Protein backbone atom coordinates (compact mmCIF):
# COMPACT_ATOMS: atom_id res chain seq x y z
CA MET A 1 87.86 112.68 115.23
CA GLN A 2 90.20 114.53 112.89
CA THR A 3 89.25 115.39 109.36
CA LYS A 4 91.39 114.48 106.38
CA GLU A 5 92.62 118.08 106.12
CA GLU A 6 93.75 118.09 109.76
CA THR A 7 95.82 114.92 109.38
CA PHE A 8 97.50 116.00 106.13
CA ASN A 9 101.25 115.84 106.50
CA PHE A 10 103.11 118.01 104.01
CA GLU A 11 106.43 116.22 104.52
CA ASN A 12 104.92 112.80 103.79
CA ALA A 13 103.10 114.18 100.76
CA PHE A 14 106.34 115.70 99.48
CA LYS A 15 108.19 112.40 99.94
CA ASP A 16 105.45 110.54 98.09
CA TYR A 17 105.47 113.11 95.29
CA PHE A 18 109.26 113.04 95.06
CA ALA A 19 109.36 109.23 95.01
CA PHE A 20 106.66 109.09 92.35
CA GLY A 21 108.42 111.67 90.17
CA TRP A 22 111.79 110.01 90.64
CA ASN A 23 110.43 106.54 89.84
CA GLU A 24 108.55 107.78 86.78
CA THR A 25 111.59 109.61 85.38
CA GLN A 26 113.92 106.78 86.35
CA SER A 27 111.78 104.28 84.45
CA ARG A 28 111.84 106.44 81.32
CA VAL A 29 115.62 106.91 81.59
CA HIS A 30 116.16 103.16 82.06
CA VAL A 31 113.94 102.19 79.12
CA THR A 32 115.82 104.68 76.94
CA ALA A 33 119.16 103.20 78.06
CA LEU A 34 117.94 99.71 77.18
CA GLU A 35 116.69 100.91 73.78
CA LYS A 36 119.97 102.74 73.04
CA GLY A 37 122.04 99.63 73.74
CA TRP A 38 123.72 100.61 77.01
CA TYR A 39 123.32 97.01 78.18
CA ASP A 40 124.81 93.88 76.64
CA ASP A 41 121.91 91.76 77.92
CA VAL A 42 118.64 93.66 78.22
CA LYS A 43 117.13 90.70 80.07
CA LYS A 44 119.69 91.11 82.87
CA PRO A 45 120.36 94.84 83.29
CA SER A 46 121.54 94.31 86.86
CA ASP A 47 124.54 92.38 85.46
CA ARG A 48 126.05 95.51 83.92
CA ASN A 49 129.67 96.09 84.91
CA GLN A 50 129.43 98.32 87.98
CA GLY A 51 133.00 99.58 87.70
CA GLU A 52 132.29 100.75 84.17
CA VAL A 53 129.17 102.61 85.32
CA ILE A 54 131.06 104.33 88.13
CA ALA A 55 133.82 105.27 85.68
CA LEU A 56 131.21 106.77 83.32
CA ILE A 57 129.70 108.81 86.16
CA HIS A 58 133.18 109.94 87.19
CA SER A 59 133.89 110.91 83.59
CA GLU A 60 130.76 113.11 83.48
CA LEU A 61 131.81 114.80 86.73
CA SER A 62 135.30 115.37 85.32
CA GLU A 63 133.74 117.00 82.26
CA ALA A 64 131.71 119.26 84.59
CA LEU A 65 134.93 120.22 86.39
CA ASP A 66 136.59 120.97 83.06
CA GLY A 67 133.62 123.18 82.23
CA LEU A 68 134.01 125.09 85.48
CA ARG A 69 137.73 125.54 84.89
CA SER A 70 137.06 126.97 81.45
CA GLY A 71 134.46 129.49 82.62
CA ASN A 72 131.39 127.23 82.25
CA PRO A 73 130.72 127.93 78.56
CA PRO A 74 127.39 127.17 76.88
CA SER A 75 126.73 123.51 76.18
CA GLU A 76 127.84 122.39 72.74
CA LYS A 77 125.27 119.57 72.70
CA ILE A 78 122.17 121.44 73.93
CA VAL A 79 122.77 124.75 72.17
CA ASP A 80 119.19 125.86 71.59
CA ARG A 81 118.08 125.63 75.24
CA GLY A 82 120.62 127.84 76.99
CA PHE A 83 122.30 125.16 79.12
CA SER A 84 125.86 125.55 80.31
CA GLN A 85 128.45 122.79 80.03
CA VAL A 86 128.25 122.12 83.77
CA GLU A 87 124.44 121.79 83.65
CA GLU A 88 124.73 119.39 80.75
CA GLU A 89 127.27 117.21 82.54
CA PHE A 90 125.27 117.22 85.80
CA ALA A 91 122.23 116.08 83.82
CA ASP A 92 124.33 113.25 82.38
CA VAL A 93 125.37 112.24 85.92
CA VAL A 94 121.76 112.16 87.12
CA ILE A 95 120.71 110.16 84.04
CA ARG A 96 123.42 107.57 84.63
CA ILE A 97 122.58 107.33 88.34
CA MET A 98 118.86 106.98 87.60
CA ASP A 99 119.56 104.30 85.03
CA ILE A 100 121.81 102.14 87.18
CA SER A 101 119.61 102.58 90.25
CA ALA A 102 116.64 101.38 88.16
CA ALA A 103 118.66 98.34 87.15
CA LYS A 104 119.58 97.75 90.80
CA ARG A 105 116.16 98.79 92.17
CA ALA A 106 117.75 101.30 94.52
CA MET A 107 114.73 103.46 95.43
CA LYS A 108 114.06 101.48 98.62
CA GLU A 109 117.60 102.22 99.81
CA ILE A 110 117.23 105.90 98.88
CA GLU A 111 114.02 106.09 100.91
CA ARG A 112 115.74 104.40 103.87
CA LEU A 113 118.65 106.85 103.74
CA MET A 114 116.30 109.83 103.51
CA SER A 115 114.49 108.56 106.60
CA GLU A 116 117.78 108.17 108.48
CA ASN A 117 118.86 111.68 107.48
CA GLU A 118 115.56 113.10 108.70
CA SER A 119 116.10 111.40 112.05
CA LEU A 120 119.61 112.82 112.21
CA LEU A 121 118.35 116.31 111.35
CA ALA A 122 115.73 116.05 114.09
CA LEU A 123 118.43 115.13 116.61
CA ILE A 124 120.58 118.06 115.49
CA GLU A 125 117.64 120.45 115.81
CA MET A 126 116.90 119.14 119.32
CA LYS A 127 120.55 119.63 120.27
CA ASN A 128 120.53 123.19 118.88
CA ASP A 129 117.38 124.01 120.88
CA GLU A 130 119.10 123.08 124.16
């Protein structure tokens, strides 16, 4: 019989830790979005205009690209923490993605995709070992 230590699986523990951290942060981001009025109907956040959300994410990425093209200057919004413009815009992208995925309850799909990618990586590694 194996002990608990012998059956510990680092990869599964990491996935659980990642999912917990993501879900915890995602919930905080989503509550903040609801409180700040990002939704017309807080009782139905999944009804938010998806095209508008994608456009907002695209806009943040365009601002990151503009930052890169102009030498990635320090952020004008987060001046006291040493962030660059690109870091600021990437954070905005992640916040918007976390918010809308909370509204759409997307974590299950993310977990499924991660599992598929792991299977694909295993196949690639097997092929490379041949």
